[in-house]
Amino acid sequence: MKTSPLVRCTAAALMIVATTIASAAQTKSSGSEPVPPMLRPKPPAVEPTMPPAHPFHDARYGVTFTVPAAWELNRKDSEVSTFNLDARSVAHTTQLRAVASISFNPHPNSTFSGAFFYFSVTPHLSSAECSAQATVRDPHTISSAQIGGLPFTHGYDEHGGICTESRDEIYTTARNNACYRFDAVINTFCGGDVSGVQDISPRELDAVRHRMQKILDSVHFDTN
């Protein structure tokens, strides 16, 4: 005997209702509540590969470094960066030569908002004046670093309103009657809880610093 279409539809509807009730009961019994879409963790960032890694060379000042994959290079400020806000201790005669900026967010569940690697030169600056650019924000710890086989003074600066919004690792050295400077800047924003993300963690900061360090490790100076 054939079952009528009405009976089949009714049975299917009852099965869907029963499944929905069972699922709701299981959720309630487990004590978990549905997470609103805005508060759900974002999936891990997929590392883009374009544009590919490529070298940058400043023929005038004899500096070469590697721009990582998925980073953009600009020779002028204000297109993607704010040099004078990020590198607050530069002189008014400082010339920005290049800035590399990350073009994706490696930590989308955090308050990370950007990373910039600046190369700048201040002509006609003494060794003491050059070193002072990295130490002007005392009492921050000052150290030395080797970059491209040359000794650099290493200092740092950070600033922000209700939280730290910018961290700048500063490296300076006197060369050819000029001050050569690299700034590795990490920017974040405040109010992560409101935006559904977490404050950037020390581990995530270290991961971004590692990316910057790889650029520093690639620096090469032309022989005079």
N, C-alpha and C. Protein backbone atom coordinates (compact mmCIF):
# COMPACT_ATOMS: atom_id res chain seq x y z
N MET A 1 0.84 -1.18 0.00
CA MET A 1 0.00 0.00 0.00
C MET A 1 0.89 1.25 0.00
N LYS A 2 0.63 2.18 -0.90
CA LYS A 2 1.43 3.39 -1.02
C LYS A 2 1.05 4.41 0.05
N THR A 3 2.12 5.11 0.54
CA THR A 3 1.88 6.16 1.53
C THR A 3 1.56 7.45 0.79
N SER A 4 0.53 8.16 1.28
CA SER A 4 0.11 9.39 0.60
C SER A 4 1.17 10.47 0.77
N PRO A 5 1.26 11.41 -0.16
CA PRO A 5 2.22 12.50 -0.06
C PRO A 5 2.07 13.30 1.23
N LEU A 6 0.84 13.48 1.69
CA LEU A 6 0.59 14.26 2.91
C LEU A 6 1.23 13.59 4.11
N VAL A 7 1.10 12.26 4.17
CA VAL A 7 1.67 11.52 5.31
C VAL A 7 3.19 11.62 5.28
N ARG A 8 3.79 11.51 4.06
CA ARG A 8 5.24 11.59 3.96
C ARG A 8 5.75 12.96 4.37
N CYS A 9 5.08 14.02 3.97
CA CYS A 9 5.50 15.38 4.32
C CYS A 9 5.38 15.61 5.82
N THR A 10 4.28 15.10 6.39
CA THR A 10 4.08 15.27 7.83
C THR A 10 5.17 14.56 8.61
N ALA A 11 5.52 13.35 8.18
CA ALA A 11 6.56 12.59 8.87
C ALA A 11 7.91 13.30 8.78
N ALA A 12 8.22 13.86 7.61
CA ALA A 12 9.49 14.58 7.44
C ALA A 12 9.55 15.81 8.32
N ALA A 13 8.43 16.53 8.40
CA ALA A 13 8.39 17.72 9.24
C ALA A 13 8.58 17.37 10.70
N LEU A 14 7.92 16.28 11.14
CA LEU A 14 8.08 15.86 12.54
C LEU A 14 9.52 15.47 12.84
N MET A 15 10.20 14.85 11.88
CA MET A 15 11.59 14.44 12.08
C MET A 15 12.50 15.67 12.23
N ILE A 16 12.27 16.72 11.42
CA ILE A 16 13.07 17.94 11.51
C ILE A 16 12.87 18.61 12.85
N VAL A 17 11.61 18.68 13.30
CA VAL A 17 11.31 19.30 14.60
C VAL A 17 11.99 18.54 15.72
N ALA A 18 11.92 17.21 15.65
CA ALA A 18 12.53 16.39 16.71
C ALA A 18 14.04 16.59 16.75
N THR A 19 14.66 16.67 15.57
CA THR A 19 16.11 16.88 15.52
C THR A 19 16.50 18.24 16.09
N THR A 20 15.71 19.26 15.77
CA THR A 20 15.99 20.61 16.28
C THR A 20 15.86 20.66 17.79
N ILE A 21 14.82 20.01 18.33
CA ILE A 21 14.61 19.99 19.78
C ILE A 21 15.75 19.26 20.47
N ALA A 22 16.17 18.14 19.89
CA ALA A 22 17.26 17.37 20.49
C ALA A 22 18.56 18.16 20.50
N SER A 23 18.82 18.89 19.40
CA SER A 23 20.04 19.69 19.32
C SER A 23 20.02 20.81 20.34
N ALA A 24 18.86 21.47 20.50
CA ALA A 24 18.73 22.55 21.47
C ALA A 24 18.89 22.03 22.88
N ALA A 25 18.33 20.85 23.14
CA ALA A 25 18.45 20.26 24.47
C ALA A 25 19.90 19.92 24.79
N GLN A 26 20.63 19.42 23.79
CA GLN A 26 22.03 19.08 24.00
C GLN A 26 22.86 20.32 24.29
N THR A 27 22.58 21.42 23.57
CA THR A 27 23.29 22.67 23.81
C THR A 27 23.02 23.20 25.20
N LYS A 28 21.76 23.11 25.63
CA LYS A 28 21.37 23.60 26.95
C LYS A 28 22.01 22.77 28.04
N SER A 29 22.02 21.44 27.83
CA SER A 29 22.58 20.55 28.85
C SER A 29 24.09 20.73 28.99
N SER A 30 24.75 21.11 27.92
CA SER A 30 26.20 21.30 27.99
C SER A 30 26.57 22.64 28.61
N GLY A 31 25.57 23.50 28.79
CA GLY A 31 25.81 24.79 29.44
C GLY A 31 26.42 25.83 28.54
N SER A 32 26.55 25.57 27.23
CA SER A 32 27.15 26.54 26.31
C SER A 32 26.07 27.32 25.59
N GLU A 33 26.36 28.58 25.33
CA GLU A 33 25.45 29.44 24.61
C GLU A 33 26.03 29.73 23.24
N PRO A 34 25.18 29.91 22.24
CA PRO A 34 25.69 30.24 20.90
C PRO A 34 26.50 31.54 20.95
N VAL A 35 27.62 31.55 20.26
CA VAL A 35 28.49 32.73 20.22
C VAL A 35 28.06 33.62 19.06
N PRO A 36 27.78 34.91 19.35
CA PRO A 36 27.40 35.82 18.25
C PRO A 36 28.50 35.86 17.19
N PRO A 37 28.13 36.00 15.92
CA PRO A 37 29.12 36.00 14.84
C PRO A 37 30.24 37.00 15.05
N MET A 38 29.92 38.20 15.59
CA MET A 38 30.93 39.24 15.75
C MET A 38 32.02 38.85 16.75
N LEU A 39 31.64 37.97 17.71
CA LEU A 39 32.58 37.60 18.76
C LEU A 39 33.28 36.28 18.49
N ARG A 40 32.94 35.62 17.39
CA ARG A 40 33.60 34.36 17.08
C ARG A 40 35.03 34.61 16.62
N PRO A 41 35.99 33.77 17.04
CA PRO A 41 37.38 33.95 16.60
C PRO A 41 37.49 33.85 15.08
N LYS A 42 38.33 34.72 14.52
CA LYS A 42 38.56 34.66 13.08
C LYS A 42 39.51 33.51 12.76
N PRO A 43 39.36 32.92 11.61
CA PRO A 43 40.27 31.82 11.24
C PRO A 43 41.70 32.33 11.12
N PRO A 44 42.69 31.45 11.27
CA PRO A 44 44.09 31.87 11.14
C PRO A 44 44.35 32.55 9.80
N ALA A 45 45.19 33.57 9.85
CA ALA A 45 45.50 34.30 8.62
C ALA A 45 46.29 33.42 7.66
N VAL A 46 45.91 33.50 6.40
CA VAL A 46 46.64 32.78 5.35
C VAL A 46 47.74 33.71 4.85
N GLU A 47 48.97 33.26 4.92
CA GLU A 47 50.10 34.10 4.52
C GLU A 47 50.09 34.30 3.01
N PRO A 48 49.85 35.53 2.55
CA PRO A 48 49.92 35.78 1.11
C PRO A 48 51.36 35.74 0.62
N THR A 49 51.51 35.57 -0.65
CA THR A 49 52.85 35.47 -1.24
C THR A 49 53.12 36.54 -2.30
N MET A 50 52.13 37.42 -2.51
CA MET A 50 52.29 38.46 -3.52
C MET A 50 52.17 39.83 -2.86
N PRO A 51 52.98 40.80 -3.27
CA PRO A 51 54.08 40.63 -4.23
C PRO A 51 55.20 39.79 -3.64
N PRO A 52 55.98 39.13 -4.48
CA PRO A 52 57.06 38.28 -3.96
C PRO A 52 58.16 39.11 -3.30
N ALA A 53 58.97 38.45 -2.49
CA ALA A 53 60.11 39.14 -1.87
C ALA A 53 61.04 39.68 -2.95
N HIS A 54 61.58 40.87 -2.71
CA HIS A 54 62.46 41.48 -3.70
C HIS A 54 63.43 42.45 -3.01
N PRO A 55 64.58 42.69 -3.61
CA PRO A 55 65.56 43.59 -3.00
C PRO A 55 65.23 45.05 -3.26
N PHE A 56 65.57 45.89 -2.30
CA PHE A 56 65.54 47.35 -2.47
C PHE A 56 66.99 47.84 -2.41
N HIS A 57 67.35 48.74 -3.30
CA HIS A 57 68.71 49.28 -3.31
C HIS A 57 68.66 50.80 -3.43
N ASP A 58 69.31 51.47 -2.50
CA ASP A 58 69.45 52.92 -2.55
C ASP A 58 70.86 53.22 -3.06
N ALA A 59 70.95 53.57 -4.33
CA ALA A 59 72.26 53.78 -4.96
C ALA A 59 72.98 54.99 -4.38
N ARG A 60 72.24 56.00 -3.97
CA ARG A 60 72.87 57.21 -3.45
C ARG A 60 73.60 56.95 -2.14
N TYR A 61 72.97 56.19 -1.25
CA TYR A 61 73.57 55.95 0.07
C TYR A 61 74.09 54.52 0.23
N GLY A 62 74.02 53.73 -0.82
CA GLY A 62 74.65 52.42 -0.81
C GLY A 62 74.07 51.43 0.18
N VAL A 63 72.75 51.37 0.25
CA VAL A 63 72.08 50.46 1.18
C VAL A 63 71.15 49.53 0.41
N THR A 64 71.21 48.25 0.74
CA THR A 64 70.33 47.25 0.16
C THR A 64 69.68 46.45 1.27
N PHE A 65 68.39 46.15 1.13
CA PHE A 65 67.74 45.21 2.03
C PHE A 65 66.63 44.49 1.28
N THR A 66 66.18 43.38 1.83
CA THR A 66 65.15 42.57 1.18
C THR A 66 63.77 42.93 1.72
N VAL A 67 62.86 43.26 0.81
CA VAL A 67 61.46 43.50 1.17
C VAL A 67 60.76 42.15 1.18
N PRO A 68 60.18 41.72 2.31
CA PRO A 68 59.57 40.38 2.38
C PRO A 68 58.37 40.24 1.45
N ALA A 69 57.99 39.01 1.19
CA ALA A 69 56.78 38.73 0.41
C ALA A 69 55.57 39.33 1.13
N ALA A 70 54.65 39.89 0.34
CA ALA A 70 53.41 40.48 0.85
C ALA A 70 53.67 41.76 1.65
N TRP A 71 54.81 42.37 1.45
CA TRP A 71 55.09 43.71 1.97
C TRP A 71 55.17 44.66 0.80
N GLU A 72 54.75 45.91 1.01
CA GLU A 72 54.80 46.93 -0.03
C GLU A 72 55.93 47.91 0.24
N LEU A 73 56.56 48.38 -0.81
CA LEU A 73 57.65 49.35 -0.68
C LEU A 73 57.23 50.68 -1.27
N ASN A 74 57.49 51.76 -0.54
CA ASN A 74 57.24 53.11 -1.03
C ASN A 74 58.47 53.96 -0.79
N ARG A 75 58.72 54.89 -1.70
CA ARG A 75 59.84 55.81 -1.54
C ARG A 75 59.40 57.13 -0.93
N LYS A 76 58.10 57.32 -0.78
CA LYS A 76 57.58 58.55 -0.20
C LYS A 76 56.70 58.23 1.01
N ASP A 77 56.66 59.17 1.94
CA ASP A 77 55.83 59.02 3.12
C ASP A 77 54.40 59.43 2.80
N SER A 78 53.50 59.11 3.72
CA SER A 78 52.09 59.51 3.69
C SER A 78 51.23 58.71 2.75
N GLU A 79 51.82 57.86 1.91
CA GLU A 79 50.99 57.01 1.06
C GLU A 79 50.38 55.89 1.89
N VAL A 80 51.21 55.25 2.72
CA VAL A 80 50.70 54.22 3.63
C VAL A 80 51.21 54.43 5.05
N SER A 81 52.06 55.44 5.24
CA SER A 81 52.75 55.58 6.52
C SER A 81 52.71 57.03 7.01
N THR A 82 53.13 57.22 8.26
CA THR A 82 53.24 58.55 8.86
C THR A 82 54.59 58.61 9.58
N PHE A 83 55.63 58.86 8.83
CA PHE A 83 57.00 58.76 9.33
C PHE A 83 57.25 59.64 10.54
N ASN A 84 56.85 60.90 10.47
CA ASN A 84 57.14 61.82 11.57
C ASN A 84 56.39 61.48 12.85
N LEU A 85 55.27 60.79 12.73
CA LEU A 85 54.54 60.34 13.92
C LEU A 85 55.13 59.06 14.48
N ASP A 86 55.59 58.19 13.59
CA ASP A 86 56.15 56.91 14.04
C ASP A 86 57.58 57.06 14.55
N ALA A 87 58.39 57.86 13.86
CA ALA A 87 59.79 58.06 14.25
C ALA A 87 59.93 59.47 14.82
N ARG A 88 59.61 59.60 16.10
CA ARG A 88 59.43 60.93 16.68
C ARG A 88 60.73 61.67 16.96
N SER A 89 61.86 60.97 16.97
CA SER A 89 63.12 61.62 17.33
C SER A 89 63.96 62.04 16.12
N VAL A 90 63.40 61.95 14.91
CA VAL A 90 64.18 62.34 13.73
C VAL A 90 64.37 63.85 13.70
N ALA A 91 65.42 64.29 13.02
CA ALA A 91 65.67 65.72 12.85
C ALA A 91 64.80 66.27 11.73
N HIS A 92 64.67 67.59 11.70
CA HIS A 92 63.84 68.18 10.64
C HIS A 92 64.50 68.05 9.28
N THR A 93 65.81 67.75 9.27
CA THR A 93 66.52 67.58 8.00
C THR A 93 66.59 66.11 7.56
N THR A 94 65.98 65.22 8.33
CA THR A 94 66.02 63.79 8.00
C THR A 94 65.27 63.52 6.70
N GLN A 95 65.86 62.70 5.84
CA GLN A 95 65.25 62.35 4.56
C GLN A 95 64.79 60.89 4.61
N LEU A 96 63.50 60.67 4.42
CA LEU A 96 63.01 59.29 4.32
C LEU A 96 63.42 58.73 2.96
N ARG A 97 64.11 57.59 2.97
CA ARG A 97 64.58 57.00 1.73
C ARG A 97 63.66 55.88 1.25
N ALA A 98 63.06 55.14 2.19
CA ALA A 98 62.16 54.04 1.81
C ALA A 98 61.40 53.58 3.04
N VAL A 99 60.21 53.05 2.79
CA VAL A 99 59.42 52.43 3.86
C VAL A 99 58.77 51.16 3.32
N ALA A 100 58.96 50.07 4.04
CA ALA A 100 58.30 48.80 3.71
C ALA A 100 57.18 48.57 4.71
N SER A 101 56.00 48.23 4.24
CA SER A 101 54.85 48.04 5.13
C SER A 101 54.19 46.69 4.86
N ILE A 102 53.79 46.02 5.92
CA ILE A 102 53.13 44.73 5.77
C ILE A 102 51.74 44.95 5.19
N SER A 103 51.34 44.13 4.24
CA SER A 103 50.07 44.35 3.53
C SER A 103 48.96 43.41 3.98
N PHE A 104 49.20 42.66 5.05
CA PHE A 104 48.15 41.78 5.58
C PHE A 104 48.28 41.74 7.09
N ASN A 105 47.28 41.21 7.77
CA ASN A 105 47.28 41.12 9.23
C ASN A 105 47.62 39.70 9.65
N PRO A 106 48.82 39.45 10.17
CA PRO A 106 49.18 38.09 10.57
C PRO A 106 48.50 37.64 11.86
N HIS A 107 47.88 38.58 12.58
CA HIS A 107 47.22 38.25 13.85
C HIS A 107 45.83 38.91 13.88
N PRO A 108 44.89 38.38 13.08
CA PRO A 108 43.58 39.03 12.93
C PRO A 108 42.72 39.02 14.19
N ASN A 109 43.03 38.17 15.16
CA ASN A 109 42.26 38.14 16.40
C ASN A 109 42.84 39.07 17.46
N SER A 110 43.81 39.89 17.07
CA SER A 110 44.47 40.79 18.02
C SER A 110 44.26 42.24 17.61
N THR A 111 44.84 43.15 18.42
CA THR A 111 44.74 44.58 18.16
C THR A 111 45.86 45.08 17.24
N PHE A 112 46.57 44.19 16.59
CA PHE A 112 47.61 44.58 15.63
C PHE A 112 47.00 45.40 14.50
N SER A 113 47.64 46.52 14.14
CA SER A 113 47.10 47.36 13.07
C SER A 113 48.11 47.70 11.98
N GLY A 114 49.39 47.38 12.17
CA GLY A 114 50.33 47.67 11.09
C GLY A 114 51.78 47.53 11.53
N ALA A 115 52.66 47.33 10.55
CA ALA A 115 54.10 47.26 10.80
C ALA A 115 54.82 47.98 9.67
N PHE A 116 55.80 48.80 10.03
CA PHE A 116 56.54 49.60 9.06
C PHE A 116 58.03 49.49 9.33
N PHE A 117 58.80 49.36 8.26
CA PHE A 117 60.26 49.36 8.35
C PHE A 117 60.76 50.57 7.57
N TYR A 118 61.29 51.55 8.29
CA TYR A 118 61.73 52.80 7.67
C TYR A 118 63.26 52.82 7.53
N PHE A 119 63.72 53.34 6.40
CA PHE A 119 65.14 53.66 6.22
C PHE A 119 65.23 55.15 5.92
N SER A 120 66.01 55.87 6.73
CA SER A 120 66.14 57.31 6.55
C SER A 120 67.59 57.72 6.75
N VAL A 121 67.92 58.90 6.25
CA VAL A 121 69.28 59.45 6.35
C VAL A 121 69.18 60.92 6.73
N THR A 122 70.01 61.34 7.69
CA THR A 122 70.13 62.75 8.05
C THR A 122 71.53 63.22 7.67
N PRO A 123 71.66 64.07 6.65
CA PRO A 123 73.00 64.51 6.21
C PRO A 123 73.67 65.41 7.25
N HIS A 124 75.00 65.43 7.20
CA HIS A 124 75.82 66.38 7.98
C HIS A 124 75.50 66.31 9.47
N LEU A 125 75.50 65.10 10.01
CA LEU A 125 75.25 64.90 11.43
C LEU A 125 76.46 64.21 12.05
N SER A 126 76.87 64.68 13.21
CA SER A 126 78.02 64.07 13.88
C SER A 126 77.64 62.72 14.48
N SER A 127 78.64 61.97 14.88
CA SER A 127 78.38 60.66 15.48
C SER A 127 77.57 60.79 16.76
N ALA A 128 77.89 61.80 17.58
CA ALA A 128 77.15 62.01 18.83
C ALA A 128 75.70 62.40 18.56
N GLU A 129 75.50 63.28 17.58
CA GLU A 129 74.13 63.70 17.25
C GLU A 129 73.33 62.54 16.68
N CYS A 130 74.00 61.69 15.92
CA CYS A 130 73.33 60.52 15.33
C CYS A 130 72.90 59.56 16.43
N SER A 131 73.80 59.28 17.34
CA SER A 131 73.49 58.37 18.44
C SER A 131 72.36 58.92 19.30
N ALA A 132 72.31 60.25 19.45
CA ALA A 132 71.28 60.87 20.28
C ALA A 132 69.88 60.62 19.73
N GLN A 133 69.74 60.41 18.43
CA GLN A 133 68.42 60.13 17.87
C GLN A 133 67.82 58.85 18.46
N ALA A 134 68.69 57.89 18.80
CA ALA A 134 68.21 56.63 19.37
C ALA A 134 68.07 56.71 20.88
N THR A 135 68.74 57.70 21.50
CA THR A 135 68.75 57.76 22.97
C THR A 135 67.95 58.92 23.52
N VAL A 136 67.32 59.69 22.64
CA VAL A 136 66.64 60.91 23.09
C VAL A 136 65.47 60.62 24.02
N ARG A 137 64.90 59.42 23.93
CA ARG A 137 63.75 59.09 24.75
C ARG A 137 64.15 58.37 26.03
N ASP A 138 65.23 58.81 26.68
CA ASP A 138 65.62 58.22 27.96
C ASP A 138 64.44 58.28 28.93
N PRO A 139 64.33 57.35 29.89
CA PRO A 139 65.35 56.39 30.31
C PRO A 139 65.23 55.01 29.65
N HIS A 140 64.72 54.94 28.46
CA HIS A 140 64.63 53.65 27.79
C HIS A 140 66.01 53.03 27.60
N THR A 141 66.07 51.73 27.70
CA THR A 141 67.34 51.01 27.64
C THR A 141 68.02 51.20 26.28
N ILE A 142 69.30 51.48 26.32
CA ILE A 142 70.08 51.67 25.11
C ILE A 142 71.09 50.53 24.99
N SER A 143 71.25 50.02 23.79
CA SER A 143 72.22 48.95 23.56
C SER A 143 72.87 49.17 22.21
N SER A 144 73.65 48.21 21.77
CA SER A 144 74.28 48.29 20.44
C SER A 144 73.88 47.05 19.64
N ALA A 145 73.96 47.16 18.33
CA ALA A 145 73.60 46.05 17.45
C ALA A 145 74.47 46.11 16.21
N GLN A 146 74.73 44.94 15.62
CA GLN A 146 75.46 44.85 14.37
C GLN A 146 74.46 44.68 13.22
N ILE A 147 74.52 45.59 12.27
CA ILE A 147 73.65 45.51 11.09
C ILE A 147 74.52 45.66 9.86
N GLY A 148 74.50 44.67 9.00
CA GLY A 148 75.32 44.73 7.79
C GLY A 148 76.80 44.87 8.07
N GLY A 149 77.25 44.38 9.22
CA GLY A 149 78.66 44.48 9.57
C GLY A 149 79.07 45.78 10.22
N LEU A 150 78.11 46.70 10.45
CA LEU A 150 78.41 47.98 11.08
C LEU A 150 77.78 48.07 12.46
N PRO A 151 78.42 48.77 13.41
CA PRO A 151 77.82 48.94 14.74
C PRO A 151 76.75 50.02 14.72
N PHE A 152 75.61 49.72 15.30
CA PHE A 152 74.50 50.66 15.41
C PHE A 152 74.14 50.88 16.87
N THR A 153 73.73 52.10 17.20
CA THR A 153 73.12 52.37 18.50
C THR A 153 71.66 51.96 18.42
N HIS A 154 71.20 51.23 19.42
CA HIS A 154 69.84 50.69 19.42
C HIS A 154 69.07 51.26 20.62
N GLY A 155 67.99 51.96 20.33
CA GLY A 155 67.09 52.45 21.37
C GLY A 155 65.66 52.18 20.97
N TYR A 156 64.72 52.63 21.77
CA TYR A 156 63.33 52.43 21.38
C TYR A 156 62.45 53.52 21.95
N ASP A 157 61.30 53.67 21.37
CA ASP A 157 60.31 54.65 21.81
C ASP A 157 58.94 54.00 21.70
N GLU A 158 58.04 54.38 22.58
CA GLU A 158 56.66 53.92 22.47
C GLU A 158 55.73 55.00 23.00
N HIS A 159 54.54 55.05 22.45
CA HIS A 159 53.59 56.07 22.89
C HIS A 159 52.17 55.61 22.60
N GLY A 160 51.22 56.33 23.17
CA GLY A 160 49.81 56.02 22.99
C GLY A 160 48.98 56.76 24.01
N GLY A 161 47.66 56.62 23.89
CA GLY A 161 46.75 57.27 24.82
C GLY A 161 46.47 56.40 26.03
N ILE A 162 45.39 55.62 25.95
CA ILE A 162 45.03 54.74 27.07
C ILE A 162 45.76 53.41 26.99
N CYS A 163 46.49 53.18 25.91
CA CYS A 163 47.31 51.98 25.79
C CYS A 163 48.48 52.30 24.87
N THR A 164 49.43 51.39 24.77
CA THR A 164 50.56 51.59 23.86
C THR A 164 50.09 51.35 22.43
N GLU A 165 50.15 52.39 21.60
CA GLU A 165 49.66 52.29 20.23
C GLU A 165 50.78 52.21 19.20
N SER A 166 52.00 52.52 19.61
CA SER A 166 53.11 52.47 18.67
C SER A 166 54.39 52.10 19.41
N ARG A 167 55.13 51.14 18.86
CA ARG A 167 56.42 50.72 19.40
C ARG A 167 57.45 50.86 18.30
N ASP A 168 58.50 51.62 18.58
CA ASP A 168 59.52 51.91 17.56
C ASP A 168 60.88 51.45 18.05
N GLU A 169 61.46 50.46 17.38
CA GLU A 169 62.84 50.05 17.64
C GLU A 169 63.73 50.88 16.71
N ILE A 170 64.66 51.64 17.30
CA ILE A 170 65.46 52.62 16.57
C ILE A 170 66.91 52.15 16.47
N TYR A 171 67.47 52.24 15.26
CA TYR A 171 68.86 51.86 15.03
C TYR A 171 69.54 52.99 14.25
N THR A 172 70.64 53.53 14.78
CA THR A 172 71.34 54.63 14.10
C THR A 172 72.85 54.36 14.05
N THR A 173 73.48 54.85 12.99
CA THR A 173 74.94 54.80 12.89
C THR A 173 75.42 55.96 12.03
N ALA A 174 76.60 56.50 12.36
CA ALA A 174 77.20 57.58 11.57
C ALA A 174 78.03 56.96 10.46
N ARG A 175 77.80 57.44 9.23
CA ARG A 175 78.51 56.88 8.07
C ARG A 175 78.56 57.94 6.97
N ASN A 176 79.75 58.14 6.42
CA ASN A 176 79.92 59.08 5.30
C ASN A 176 79.33 60.46 5.60
N ASN A 177 79.64 60.98 6.79
CA ASN A 177 79.19 62.31 7.20
C ASN A 177 77.66 62.43 7.21
N ALA A 178 77.00 61.34 7.55
CA ALA A 178 75.54 61.33 7.64
C ALA A 178 75.11 60.32 8.70
N CYS A 179 73.86 60.44 9.12
CA CYS A 179 73.30 59.50 10.10
C CYS A 179 72.35 58.55 9.38
N TYR A 180 72.70 57.28 9.36
CA TYR A 180 71.85 56.26 8.76
C TYR A 180 70.94 55.70 9.86
N ARG A 181 69.68 55.57 9.55
CA ARG A 181 68.71 55.17 10.58
C ARG A 181 67.70 54.17 10.03
N PHE A 182 67.42 53.15 10.84
CA PHE A 182 66.33 52.21 10.57
C PHE A 182 65.34 52.26 11.74
N ASP A 183 64.05 52.28 11.41
CA ASP A 183 63.00 52.22 12.42
C ASP A 183 62.10 51.03 12.13
N ALA A 184 61.94 50.16 13.13
CA ALA A 184 61.03 49.01 13.02
C ALA A 184 59.83 49.31 13.91
N VAL A 185 58.71 49.70 13.29
CA VAL A 185 57.55 50.21 14.02
C VAL A 185 56.40 49.20 13.98
N ILE A 186 55.83 48.94 15.15
CA ILE A 186 54.63 48.10 15.26
C ILE A 186 53.51 48.95 15.83
N ASN A 187 52.39 49.03 15.12
CA ASN A 187 51.25 49.81 15.57
C ASN A 187 50.10 48.90 16.00
N THR A 188 49.41 49.30 17.06
CA THR A 188 48.23 48.59 17.56
C THR A 188 47.15 49.61 17.88
N PHE A 189 45.96 49.12 18.22
CA PHE A 189 44.89 50.04 18.61
C PHE A 189 44.33 49.63 19.96
N CYS A 190 43.68 50.57 20.62
CA CYS A 190 43.10 50.32 21.94
C CYS A 190 41.65 49.85 21.79
N GLY A 191 41.12 49.26 22.86
CA GLY A 191 39.71 48.87 22.86
C GLY A 191 39.42 47.58 22.14
N GLY A 192 40.31 46.60 22.30
CA GLY A 192 40.11 45.33 21.61
C GLY A 192 38.85 44.61 22.03
N ASP A 193 38.50 44.68 23.32
CA ASP A 193 37.30 43.98 23.81
C ASP A 193 36.05 44.49 23.12
N VAL A 194 36.00 45.79 22.87
CA VAL A 194 34.83 46.38 22.20
C VAL A 194 34.75 45.88 20.76
N SER A 195 35.89 45.67 20.13
CA SER A 195 35.93 45.25 18.73
C SER A 195 35.85 43.74 18.56
N GLY A 196 35.79 43.00 19.67
CA GLY A 196 35.70 41.54 19.57
C GLY A 196 37.02 40.86 19.35
N VAL A 197 38.14 41.54 19.64
CA VAL A 197 39.47 40.93 19.53
C VAL A 197 40.20 41.09 20.86
N GLN A 198 41.34 40.43 20.99
CA GLN A 198 42.13 40.49 22.21
C GLN A 198 43.34 41.40 22.01
N ASP A 199 43.80 41.99 23.12
CA ASP A 199 45.04 42.77 23.05
C ASP A 199 46.16 41.88 22.51
N ILE A 200 47.00 42.46 21.68
CA ILE A 200 48.09 41.68 21.10
C ILE A 200 48.96 41.11 22.23
N SER A 201 49.30 39.86 22.12
CA SER A 201 50.03 39.17 23.18
C SER A 201 51.54 39.35 22.99
N PRO A 202 52.32 39.13 24.06
CA PRO A 202 53.78 39.18 23.92
C PRO A 202 54.29 38.22 22.84
N ARG A 203 53.68 37.05 22.74
CA ARG A 203 54.10 36.09 21.72
C ARG A 203 53.86 36.64 20.31
N GLU A 204 52.70 37.28 20.11
CA GLU A 204 52.39 37.85 18.80
C GLU A 204 53.31 39.03 18.49
N LEU A 205 53.61 39.85 19.50
CA LEU A 205 54.55 40.96 19.29
C LEU A 205 55.92 40.43 18.89
N ASP A 206 56.36 39.39 19.57
CA ASP A 206 57.66 38.80 19.24
C ASP A 206 57.68 38.25 17.81
N ALA A 207 56.54 37.71 17.37
CA ALA A 207 56.46 37.17 16.01
C ALA A 207 56.61 38.30 14.98
N VAL A 208 55.99 39.46 15.26
CA VAL A 208 56.13 40.59 14.34
C VAL A 208 57.56 41.13 14.39
N ARG A 209 58.13 41.20 15.59
CA ARG A 209 59.53 41.64 15.72
C ARG A 209 60.47 40.72 14.93
N HIS A 210 60.16 39.44 14.93
CA HIS A 210 60.98 38.49 14.18
C HIS A 210 60.94 38.81 12.68
N ARG A 211 59.77 39.20 12.18
CA ARG A 211 59.66 39.60 10.77
C ARG A 211 60.55 40.81 10.49
N MET A 212 60.53 41.78 11.42
CA MET A 212 61.36 42.98 11.26
C MET A 212 62.85 42.61 11.30
N GLN A 213 63.19 41.71 12.22
CA GLN A 213 64.59 41.33 12.36
C GLN A 213 65.13 40.70 11.08
N LYS A 214 64.29 39.96 10.38
CA LYS A 214 64.72 39.34 9.13
C LYS A 214 65.06 40.40 8.09
N ILE A 215 64.34 41.53 8.12
CA ILE A 215 64.68 42.63 7.20
C ILE A 215 66.03 43.22 7.60
N LEU A 216 66.21 43.46 8.91
CA LEU A 216 67.49 43.99 9.39
C LEU A 216 68.64 43.06 9.03
N ASP A 217 68.40 41.76 9.17
CA ASP A 217 69.45 40.78 8.86
C ASP A 217 69.84 40.80 7.38
N SER A 218 68.94 41.31 6.53
CA SER A 218 69.22 41.33 5.09
C SER A 218 69.95 42.59 4.64
N VAL A 219 70.13 43.55 5.55
CA VAL A 219 70.74 44.83 5.18
C VAL A 219 72.20 44.63 4.75
N HIS A 220 72.55 45.28 3.66
CA HIS A 220 73.93 45.23 3.14
C HIS A 220 74.34 46.64 2.73
N PHE A 221 75.57 47.01 3.05
CA PHE A 221 76.12 48.32 2.69
C PHE A 221 77.15 48.16 1.57
N ASP A 222 77.03 49.01 0.57
CA ASP A 222 78.02 49.01 -0.51
C ASP A 222 79.39 49.39 0.05
N THR A 223 80.43 48.78 -0.48
CA THR A 223 81.79 49.15 -0.07
C THR A 223 82.18 50.45 -0.75
N ASN A 224 82.82 51.32 0.01
CA ASN A 224 83.20 52.64 -0.54
C ASN A 224 84.44 52.52 -1.44
